[in-house]
Each structure stands twice: as C-alpha cells, then as structure tokens.
C-alpha atoms as a PDB file:
ATOM      1  CA  MET A   1      -0.064  -0.028  -0.037  1.00  0.00           C
ATOM      2  CA  ARG A   2       3.044   2.375   0.524  1.00  0.00           C
ATOM      3  CA  THR A   3       3.845   2.089  -2.984  1.00  0.00           C
ATOM      4  CA  ARG A   4       0.506   2.611  -4.194  1.00  0.00           C
ATOM      5  CA  PRO A   5      -1.360   4.422  -1.791  1.00  0.00           C
ATOM      6  CA  PHE A   6      -4.281   5.399  -4.104  1.00  0.00           C
ATOM      7  CA  LEU A   7      -4.987   1.720  -4.975  1.00  0.00           C
ATOM      8  CA  PRO A   8      -8.412   2.080  -2.822  1.00  0.00           C
ATOM      9  CA  ALA A   9      -9.481   5.051  -5.132  1.00  0.00           C
ATOM     10  CA  LEU A  10      -8.493   2.956  -8.173  1.00  0.00           C
ATOM     11  CA  LEU A  11     -10.413   0.076  -7.375  1.00  0.00           C
ATOM     12  CA  ILE A  12     -13.817   2.301  -6.531  1.00  0.00           C
ATOM     13  CA  GLY A  13     -13.103   4.069 -10.004  1.00  0.00           C
ATOM     14  CA  ILE A  14     -13.635   0.567 -11.537  1.00  0.00           C
ATOM     15  CA  VAL A  15     -16.700   0.239 -10.042  1.00  0.00           C
ATOM     16  CA  MET A  16     -17.870   3.519 -11.070  1.00  0.00           C
ATOM     17  CA  ALA A  17     -16.818   2.647 -14.955  1.00  0.00           C
ATOM     18  CA  ALA A  18     -18.845  -0.362 -14.506  1.00  0.00           C
ATOM     19  CA  ILE A  19     -21.831   1.440 -13.362  1.00  0.00           C
ATOM     20  CA  LEU A  20     -21.455   4.136 -16.103  1.00  0.00           C
ATOM     21  CA  PHE A  21     -21.409   1.159 -18.578  1.00  0.00           C
ATOM     22  CA  LEU A  22     -24.783  -0.071 -17.450  1.00  0.00           C
ATOM     23  CA  MET A  23     -26.063   3.645 -17.692  1.00  0.00           C
ATOM     24  CA  TRP A  24     -25.147   3.846 -21.361  1.00  0.00           C
ATOM     25  CA  PRO A  25     -28.471   3.503 -23.425  1.00  0.00           C
ATOM     26  CA  LYS A  26     -28.377   0.095 -24.948  1.00  0.00           C
ATOM     27  CA  LYS A  27     -29.484  -0.495 -28.698  1.00  0.00           C
ATOM     28  CA  GLY A  28     -32.734   0.467 -29.454  1.00  0.00           C
ATOM     29  CA  GLU A  29     -33.284   1.459 -26.213  1.00  0.00           C
ATOM     30  CA  LEU A  30     -33.934   5.312 -26.923  1.00  0.00           C
ATOM     31  CA  PRO A  31     -36.771   6.157 -29.260  1.00  0.00           C
ATOM     32  CA  PRO A  32     -36.147   7.445 -32.784  1.00  0.00           C
ATOM     33  CA  ALA A  33     -37.862  10.815 -31.820  1.00  0.00           C
ATOM     34  CA  GLN A  34     -34.920  11.455 -29.269  1.00  0.00           C
ATOM     35  CA  LYS A  35     -32.386  13.529 -31.287  1.00  0.00           C
ATOM     36  CA  LYS A  36     -30.615  15.202 -28.105  1.00  0.00           C
ATOM     37  CA  PRO A  37     -27.368  14.326 -26.871  1.00  0.00           C
ATOM     38  CA  SER A  38     -27.152  13.226 -23.309  1.00  0.00           C
ATOM     39  CA  PRO A  39     -30.776  13.548 -22.399  1.00  0.00           C
ATOM     40  CA  ILE A  40     -30.632  12.893 -18.737  1.00  0.00           C
ATOM     41  CA  VAL A  41     -28.143  15.851 -18.338  1.00  0.00           C
ATOM     42  CA  LEU A  42     -30.507  18.122 -20.229  1.00  0.00           C
ATOM     43  CA  LEU A  43     -33.232  16.994 -18.066  1.00  0.00           C
ATOM     44  CA  GLU A  44     -31.236  18.016 -14.689  1.00  0.00           C
ATOM     45  CA  PHE A  45     -30.615  21.538 -16.199  1.00  0.00           C
ATOM     46  CA  ALA A  46     -34.172  21.814 -17.536  1.00  0.00           C
ATOM     47  CA  ARG A  47     -35.377  25.494 -16.422  1.00  0.00           C
ATOM     48  CA  THR A  48     -39.032  25.441 -18.298  1.00  0.00           C
ATOM     49  CA  PRO A  49     -41.622  23.221 -18.427  1.00  0.00           C
ATOM     50  CA  GLN A  50     -41.605  23.122 -22.052  1.00  0.00           C
ATOM     51  CA  GLU A  51     -37.727  21.916 -21.824  1.00  0.00           C
ATOM     52  CA  VAL A  52     -38.896  18.854 -19.821  1.00  0.00           C
ATOM     53  CA  TYR A  53     -41.824  17.932 -22.549  1.00  0.00           C
ATOM     54  CA  ASP A  54     -39.274  18.132 -25.322  1.00  0.00           C
ATOM     55  CA  ILE A  55     -36.740  16.053 -23.617  1.00  0.00           C
ATOM     56  CA  ALA A  56     -39.292  13.323 -22.252  1.00  0.00           C
ATOM     57  CA  LEU A  57     -41.095  13.335 -25.604  1.00  0.00           C
ATOM     58  CA  TRP A  58     -44.234  14.439 -23.981  1.00  0.00           C
ATOM     59  CA  GLN A  59     -45.554  15.345 -27.354  1.00  0.00           C
ATOM     60  CA  ALA A  60     -44.411  12.438 -29.097  1.00  0.00           C
ATOM     61  CA  SER A  61     -46.471   9.194 -29.797  1.00  0.00           C
ATOM     62  CA  PRO A  62     -47.646   7.569 -26.392  1.00  0.00           C
ATOM     63  CA  ALA A  63     -45.251   4.508 -27.140  1.00  0.00           C
ATOM     64  CA  GLU A  64     -42.017   6.878 -27.890  1.00  0.00           C
ATOM     65  CA  HIS A  65     -42.937   8.734 -24.615  1.00  0.00           C
ATOM     66  CA  ALA A  66     -43.159   5.539 -22.801  1.00  0.00           C
ATOM     67  CA  GLN A  67     -39.732   4.205 -24.159  1.00  0.00           C
ATOM     68  CA  MET A  68     -38.252   7.628 -23.108  1.00  0.00           C
ATOM     69  CA  GLN A  69     -39.744   7.310 -19.636  1.00  0.00           C
ATOM     70  CA  ALA A  70     -38.392   3.879 -19.141  1.00  0.00           C
ATOM     71  CA  TYR A  71     -34.860   4.932 -20.238  1.00  0.00           C
ATOM     72  CA  LEU A  72     -34.845   7.957 -17.964  1.00  0.00           C
ATOM     73  CA  ARG A  73     -36.114   6.166 -14.945  1.00  0.00           C
ATOM     74  CA  ARG A  74     -33.818   3.399 -15.405  1.00  0.00           C
ATOM     75  CA  ASN A  75     -30.915   6.063 -15.491  1.00  0.00           C
ATOM     76  CA  ILE A  76     -31.972   7.612 -12.450  1.00  0.00           C
ATOM     77  CA  ARG A  77     -31.907   4.245 -10.672  1.00  0.00           C
ATOM     78  CA  LEU A  78     -28.711   3.457 -11.722  1.00  0.00           C
ATOM     79  CA  ASP A  79     -27.225   6.865 -10.659  1.00  0.00           C
ATOM     80  CA  THR A  80     -28.094   6.187  -7.048  1.00  0.00           C
ATOM     81  CA  TRP A  81     -25.390   3.545  -7.321  1.00  0.00           C
ATOM     82  CA  PHE A  82     -23.214   5.937  -9.156  1.00  0.00           C
ATOM     83  CA  ILE A  83     -23.598   8.732  -6.576  1.00  0.00           C
ATOM     84  CA  LEU A  84     -22.563   6.335  -3.752  1.00  0.00           C
ATOM     85  CA  ALA A  85     -19.450   5.448  -5.739  1.00  0.00           C
ATOM     86  CA  TYR A  86     -18.120   8.357  -6.616  1.00  0.00           C
ATOM     87  CA  THR A  87     -18.795  10.129  -3.259  1.00  0.00           C
ATOM     88  CA  CYS A  88     -16.713   7.351  -1.873  1.00  0.00           C
ATOM     89  CA  PHE A  89     -14.144   7.655  -4.471  1.00  0.00           C
ATOM     90  CA  LEU A  90     -13.718  11.416  -3.979  1.00  0.00           C
ATOM     91  CA  VAL A  91     -13.780  10.834  -0.311  1.00  0.00           C
ATOM     92  CA  VAL A  92     -11.218   8.122  -0.062  1.00  0.00           C
ATOM     93  CA  SER A  93      -8.987  10.343  -2.866  1.00  0.00           C
ATOM     94  CA  MET A  94      -8.984  13.360  -0.700  1.00  0.00           C
ATOM     95  CA  VAL A  95      -8.153  11.570   2.499  1.00  0.00           C
ATOM     96  CA  ILE A  96      -5.155   9.833   1.051  1.00  0.00           C
ATOM     97  CA  ALA A  97      -3.943  13.139  -0.646  1.00  0.00           C
ATOM     98  CA  TRP A  98      -4.490  14.978   2.548  1.00  0.00           C
ATOM     99  CA  ARG A  99      -2.249  12.195   4.625  1.00  0.00           C
ATOM    100  CA  LEU A 100       0.455  12.423   2.003  1.00  0.00           C
ATOM    101  CA  SER A 101       0.771  16.395   1.839  1.00  0.00           C
ATOM    102  CA  GLY A 102       1.448  16.372   5.475  1.00  0.00           C
ATOM    103  CA  LYS A 103      -2.085  17.012   6.648  1.00  0.00           C
ATOM    104  CA  ARG A 104      -2.899  20.257   5.134  1.00  0.00           C
ATOM    105  CA  TRP A 105      -5.950  21.020   6.966  1.00  0.00           C
ATOM    106  CA  TYR A 106      -7.528  23.204   4.364  1.00  0.00           C
ATOM    107  CA  MET A 107      -7.567  20.335   2.045  1.00  0.00           C
ATOM    108  CA  LEU A 108     -10.270  18.848   4.314  1.00  0.00           C
ATOM    109  CA  ALA A 109     -12.812  21.258   2.362  1.00  0.00           C
ATOM    110  CA  GLY A 110     -12.548  18.588  -0.366  1.00  0.00           C
ATOM    111  CA  LEU A 111     -14.299  16.109   1.920  1.00  0.00           C
ATOM    112  CA  VAL A 112     -17.105  18.494   2.700  1.00  0.00           C
ATOM    113  CA  MET A 113     -17.505  19.380  -0.942  1.00  0.00           C
ATOM    114  CA  ALA A 114     -17.735  15.631  -1.945  1.00  0.00           C
ATOM    115  CA  LEU A 115     -20.463  15.026   0.792  1.00  0.00           C
ATOM    116  CA  ILE A 116     -22.744  18.078  -0.823  1.00  0.00           C
ATOM    117  CA  ALA A 117     -22.186  16.641  -4.187  1.00  0.00           C
ATOM    118  CA  GLY A 118     -23.523  13.326  -3.116  1.00  0.00           C
ATOM    119  CA  VAL A 119     -26.308  14.718  -1.123  1.00  0.00           C
ATOM    120  CA  PHE A 120     -27.766  17.262  -3.492  1.00  0.00           C
ATOM    121  CA  ASP A 121     -27.153  14.711  -6.196  1.00  0.00           C
ATOM    122  CA  PHE A 122     -29.939  12.482  -4.215  1.00  0.00           C
ATOM    123  CA  LEU A 123     -31.642  15.369  -3.962  1.00  0.00           C
ATOM    124  CA  GLU A 124     -31.696  16.239  -7.568  1.00  0.00           C
ATOM    125  CA  ASN A 125     -32.786  12.528  -8.465  1.00  0.00           C
ATOM    126  CA  ALA A 126     -35.587  12.922  -6.101  1.00  0.00           C
ATOM    127  CA  GLN A 127     -36.865  15.894  -7.993  1.00  0.00           C
ATOM    128  CA  LEU A 128     -36.376  14.156 -11.245  1.00  0.00           C
ATOM    129  CA  VAL A 129     -38.787  11.203 -10.434  1.00  0.00           C
ATOM    130  CA  LEU A 130     -41.295  13.547  -9.196  1.00  0.00           C
ATOM    131  CA  ILE A 131     -41.359  15.546 -12.043  1.00  0.00           C
ATOM    132  CA  LEU A 132     -41.422  12.553 -14.376  1.00  0.00           C
ATOM    133  CA  ASP A 133     -44.694  11.748 -12.235  1.00  0.00           C
ATOM    134  CA  LYS A 134     -46.175  14.806 -12.617  1.00  0.00           C
ATOM    135  CA  LEU A 135     -45.619  15.603 -16.089  1.00  0.00           C
ATOM    136  CA  SER A 136     -49.598  15.710 -16.574  1.00  0.00           C
ATOM    137  CA  SER A 137     -49.940  18.183 -14.010  1.00  0.00           C
ATOM    138  CA  ASP A 138     -48.059  21.299 -12.391  1.00  0.00           C
ATOM    139  CA  PHE A 139     -44.270  20.359 -11.565  1.00  0.00           C
ATOM    140  CA  GLN A 140     -43.243  24.253 -11.363  1.00  0.00           C
ATOM    141  CA  ALA A 141     -42.416  23.785  -7.749  1.00  0.00           C
ATOM    142  CA  GLU A 142     -40.045  20.643  -8.127  1.00  0.00           C
ATOM    143  CA  LEU A 143     -38.482  22.372 -11.273  1.00  0.00           C
ATOM    144  CA  SER A 144     -37.458  25.194  -9.293  1.00  0.00           C
ATOM    145  CA  ARG A 145     -35.911  22.684  -6.621  1.00  0.00           C
ATOM    146  CA  LEU A 146     -34.102  20.853  -9.390  1.00  0.00           C
ATOM    147  CA  MET A 147     -32.253  23.922 -10.539  1.00  0.00           C
ATOM    148  CA  VAL A 148     -30.631  24.708  -7.305  1.00  0.00           C
ATOM    149  CA  TYR A 149     -29.947  21.087  -6.431  1.00  0.00           C
ATOM    150  CA  THR A 150     -28.474  20.564  -9.838  1.00  0.00           C
ATOM    151  CA  HIS A 151     -26.252  23.594  -9.765  1.00  0.00           C
ATOM    152  CA  VAL A 152     -25.152  23.047  -6.375  1.00  0.00           C
ATOM    153  CA  LYS A 153     -24.135  19.491  -7.163  1.00  0.00           C
ATOM    154  CA  TRP A 154     -22.054  20.193 -10.170  1.00  0.00           C
ATOM    155  CA  GLY A 155     -20.544  23.355  -8.354  1.00  0.00           C
ATOM    156  CA  ALA A 156     -19.221  21.316  -5.288  1.00  0.00           C
ATOM    157  CA  LEU A 157     -17.853  18.614  -7.502  1.00  0.00           C
ATOM    158  CA  VAL A 158     -15.995  21.469  -9.125  1.00  0.00           C
ATOM    159  CA  ALA A 159     -14.920  22.864  -5.912  1.00  0.00           C
ATOM    160  CA  PHE A 160     -13.642  19.294  -4.930  1.00  0.00           C
ATOM    161  CA  PHE A 161     -11.209  19.258  -7.875  1.00  0.00           C
ATOM    162  CA  ILE A 162     -10.232  22.941  -6.839  1.00  0.00           C
ATOM    163  CA  SER A 163      -9.495  22.057  -3.308  1.00  0.00           C
ATOM    164  CA  MET A 164      -7.123  19.070  -4.784  1.00  0.00           C
ATOM    165  CA  ILE A 165      -4.843  21.606  -6.397  1.00  0.00           C
ATOM    166  CA  PRO A 166      -2.359  22.523  -3.290  1.00  0.00           C
ATOM    167  CA  PHE A 167      -1.679  18.609  -3.680  1.00  0.00           C
ATOM    168  CA  ALA A 168      -1.844  17.981  -7.684  1.00  0.00           C
ATOM    169  CA  TRP A 169      -0.119  21.265  -8.897  1.00  0.00           C
ATOM    170  CA  PRO A 170       3.666  20.799  -7.502  1.00  0.00           C
ATOM    171  CA  THR A 171       3.619  16.826  -7.967  1.00  0.00           C
ATOM    172  CA  SER A 172       3.928  16.642 -11.742  1.00  0.00           C
ATOM    173  CA  TRP A 173       2.795  18.133 -14.965  1.00  0.00           C
ATOM    174  CA  LEU A 174      -0.272  15.815 -15.205  1.00  0.00           C
ATOM    175  CA  GLY A 175      -1.296  17.559 -11.634  1.00  0.00           C
ATOM    176  CA  LYS A 176      -0.995  20.971 -13.419  1.00  0.00           C
ATOM    177  CA  VAL A 177      -3.278  19.706 -16.300  1.00  0.00           C
ATOM    178  CA  LEU A 178      -5.769  18.753 -13.738  1.00  0.00           C
ATOM    179  CA  SER A 179      -5.531  21.965 -11.768  1.00  0.00           C
ATOM    180  CA  VAL A 180      -6.059  24.009 -15.126  1.00  0.00           C
ATOM    181  CA  VAL A 181      -9.054  21.824 -16.220  1.00  0.00           C
ATOM    182  CA  ALA A 182     -10.452  22.579 -12.680  1.00  0.00           C
ATOM    183  CA  GLY A 183     -10.176  26.132 -13.322  1.00  0.00           C
ATOM    184  CA  VAL A 184     -11.970  25.991 -16.712  1.00  0.00           C
ATOM    185  CA  GLY A 185     -14.692  24.042 -14.608  1.00  0.00           C
ATOM    186  CA  VAL A 186     -14.956  27.187 -12.601  1.00  0.00           C
ATOM    187  CA  VAL A 187     -15.588  29.187 -15.529  1.00  0.00           C
ATOM    188  CA  LEU A 188     -18.013  26.869 -17.005  1.00  0.00           C
ATOM    189  CA  ALA A 189     -19.948  26.554 -13.611  1.00  0.00           C
ATOM    190  CA  ILE A 190     -20.463  30.379 -13.631  1.00  0.00           C
ATOM    191  CA  GLY A 191     -21.161  30.475 -17.240  1.00  0.00           C
ATOM    192  CA  ALA A 192     -23.915  27.685 -16.914  1.00  0.00           C
ATOM    193  CA  TRP A 193     -25.553  29.737 -14.199  1.00  0.00           C
ATOM    194  CA  VAL A 194     -25.228  33.425 -15.759  1.00  0.00           C
ATOM    195  CA  THR A 195     -25.914  32.475 -19.491  1.00  0.00           C
ATOM    196  CA  PRO A 196     -27.708  29.083 -19.664  1.00  0.00           C
ATOM    197  CA  SER A 197     -27.521  26.903 -22.496  1.00  0.00           C
ATOM    198  CA  GLN A 198     -27.592  23.506 -23.634  1.00  0.00           C
ATOM    199  CA  SER A 199     -24.467  23.384 -25.393  1.00  0.00           C
ATOM    200  CA  LEU A 200     -22.760  25.047 -22.198  1.00  0.00           C
ATOM    201  CA  TYR A 201     -24.177  22.514 -19.800  1.00  0.00           C
ATOM    202  CA  LEU A 202     -22.987  19.651 -21.935  1.00  0.00           C
ATOM    203  CA  ALA A 203     -19.560  21.380 -22.041  1.00  0.00           C
ATOM    204  CA  TYR A 204     -19.728  22.098 -18.295  1.00  0.00           C
ATOM    205  CA  THR A 205     -20.763  18.459 -17.185  1.00  0.00           C
ATOM    206  CA  SER A 206     -18.081  16.926 -19.545  1.00  0.00           C
ATOM    207  CA  VAL A 207     -15.222  18.995 -18.126  1.00  0.00           C
ATOM    208  CA  VAL A 208     -16.118  17.507 -14.641  1.00  0.00           C
ATOM    209  CA  MET A 209     -16.402  14.027 -15.820  1.00  0.00           C
ATOM    210  CA  MET A 210     -12.858  14.505 -17.543  1.00  0.00           C
ATOM    211  CA  LEU A 211     -11.601  15.605 -14.253  1.00  0.00           C
ATOM    212  CA  PHE A 212     -12.589  12.261 -12.665  1.00  0.00           C
ATOM    213  CA  VAL A 213     -10.495  10.537 -15.334  1.00  0.00           C
ATOM    214  CA  LEU A 214      -7.809  13.087 -14.882  1.00  0.00           C
ATOM    215  CA  LEU A 215      -7.678  12.291 -11.028  1.00  0.00           C
ATOM    216  CA  LEU A 216      -7.717   8.719 -11.798  1.00  0.00           C
ATOM    217  CA  ILE A 217      -4.897   8.592 -13.988  1.00  0.00           C
ATOM    218  CA  PHE A 218      -3.118  11.223 -11.841  1.00  0.00           C
ATOM    219  CA  GLU A 219      -3.136   8.993  -8.630  1.00  0.00           C
ATOM    220  CA  GLN A 220      -1.656   6.084 -10.712  1.00  0.00           C
ATOM    221  CA  ARG A 221       1.206   8.269 -11.968  1.00  0.00           C
ATOM    222  CA  TRP A 222       1.861   9.702  -8.819  1.00  0.00           C
ATOM    223  CA  ARG A 223       2.520   6.007  -7.301  1.00  0.00           C
ATOM    224  CA  ALA A 224       4.831   5.724 -10.560  1.00  0.00           C
ATOM    225  CA  ALA A 225       7.011   8.904  -9.760  1.00  0.00           C
ATOM    226  CA  LEU A 226       7.297   7.626  -6.138  1.00  0.00           C
ATOM    227  CA  LEU A 227       8.827   4.428  -7.567  1.00  0.00           C
ATOM    228  CA  GLN A 228      11.321   6.200  -9.674  1.00  0.00           C
END
C-alpha cells in the first residue's frame, strides 16, 4: 500500500466505470424521436416545463414517450449507485492526498464538497422522479428545486477538484493539467448559471467527468513517480 497509496481509489473508480457502462443506452433503448445528446443531463438542467416536455418526448407518440420515460427512470435508478460510488471515490482520494501532503487542514474542504455533491445529487434525483410522475400536472415547484440542487451538485464537484490543486499542482505536469482543467470547470460553472444554454451545460458536465478521469490517471502516475 505504501507504493500504491491510491489503490483503494482506483478500485472504486473501476466500480464507477462499470456503473457508467450499465447506464449507457442500449441499442434501441432510446426512441427514434430522441435527437438530443445526453438527455438525462439536459433534464437535470431543465429550467422550463417546455424543456422537460421536449426531453421526455411528452408530445411524441405514446409509445415513444413511454420508451423515453423507461430510459430516464432506469438511468436515475442506476445513478443512485453511481452517486454512492463517486462520493466514496472522492472522499477516499482526498483522505489519501491529505495524508500524503502532510495533513494540510484546508484540503479537508474537499471532503465537505464531496459529501455536499452526493447529498444534492440524491435530492436532484428525487426531484427528477417527481417531475416525471407529474408531467400531466403542475411541476413548477419541483423544477425550481431541481435547478438549485443541480447547480449545487455540479458546483460542489468543481469545488472538490479545486481543493485538490494544492496537492496536485506541485507534484507533476499531470497535476498541473488537472488544476488547469479544474479552473476551466469554475468558468463553465459560472457560465452555466449566468448564461444558460444546452451546449454550455454539456461542456460543463463533460469537463467535470474529464476531471474524474484525470484524477484517476494522476493518482496512478503519482505512484509511478514514487517508484523512480
């Protein structure tokens, strides 16, 4: 373990990858009328009932709407396990980095951010289910809460990676890349709130997912650097 301090995080990362594979839409699972990229992400960031109707294919044929509903609900169920996995991954990664860095107390802010992201992701999923249940009635209250929960969750994830900069930046060139991309995430987080657009949402969430991958690679390269 001394030569591979981030091994527990790597193992959790493998679990995360497996869950994401299960969440990926199977062939024929999405109805032909679904043309939007990453519909579940766009649903998270929906601001108006019309946006929800468009993503859920409310005005399509009953069969296509039912197919889309089934996909969204399956994705939300699997996402519950992904939330647990990524929260554990972030917490374990931060604890290990905190110990290796000489226990810098301010890095513990990352632990708080990881827990906030997980909690608000669960709250977000609860609102998504309520919205899907209430498509034929008024769901404006749920949509308003969803907007807050979604931005807090993604913002907390970016804040977690920002809190890793004191550990990552001086370690290697890959740590610097991780730090710079985290900075880009901050810019996109602000942009997604101030000037909302679907393309910006997709860019924002893609950068955050990239940060997960970069952190996994960085952790393994950090081990390799120790062995040289």
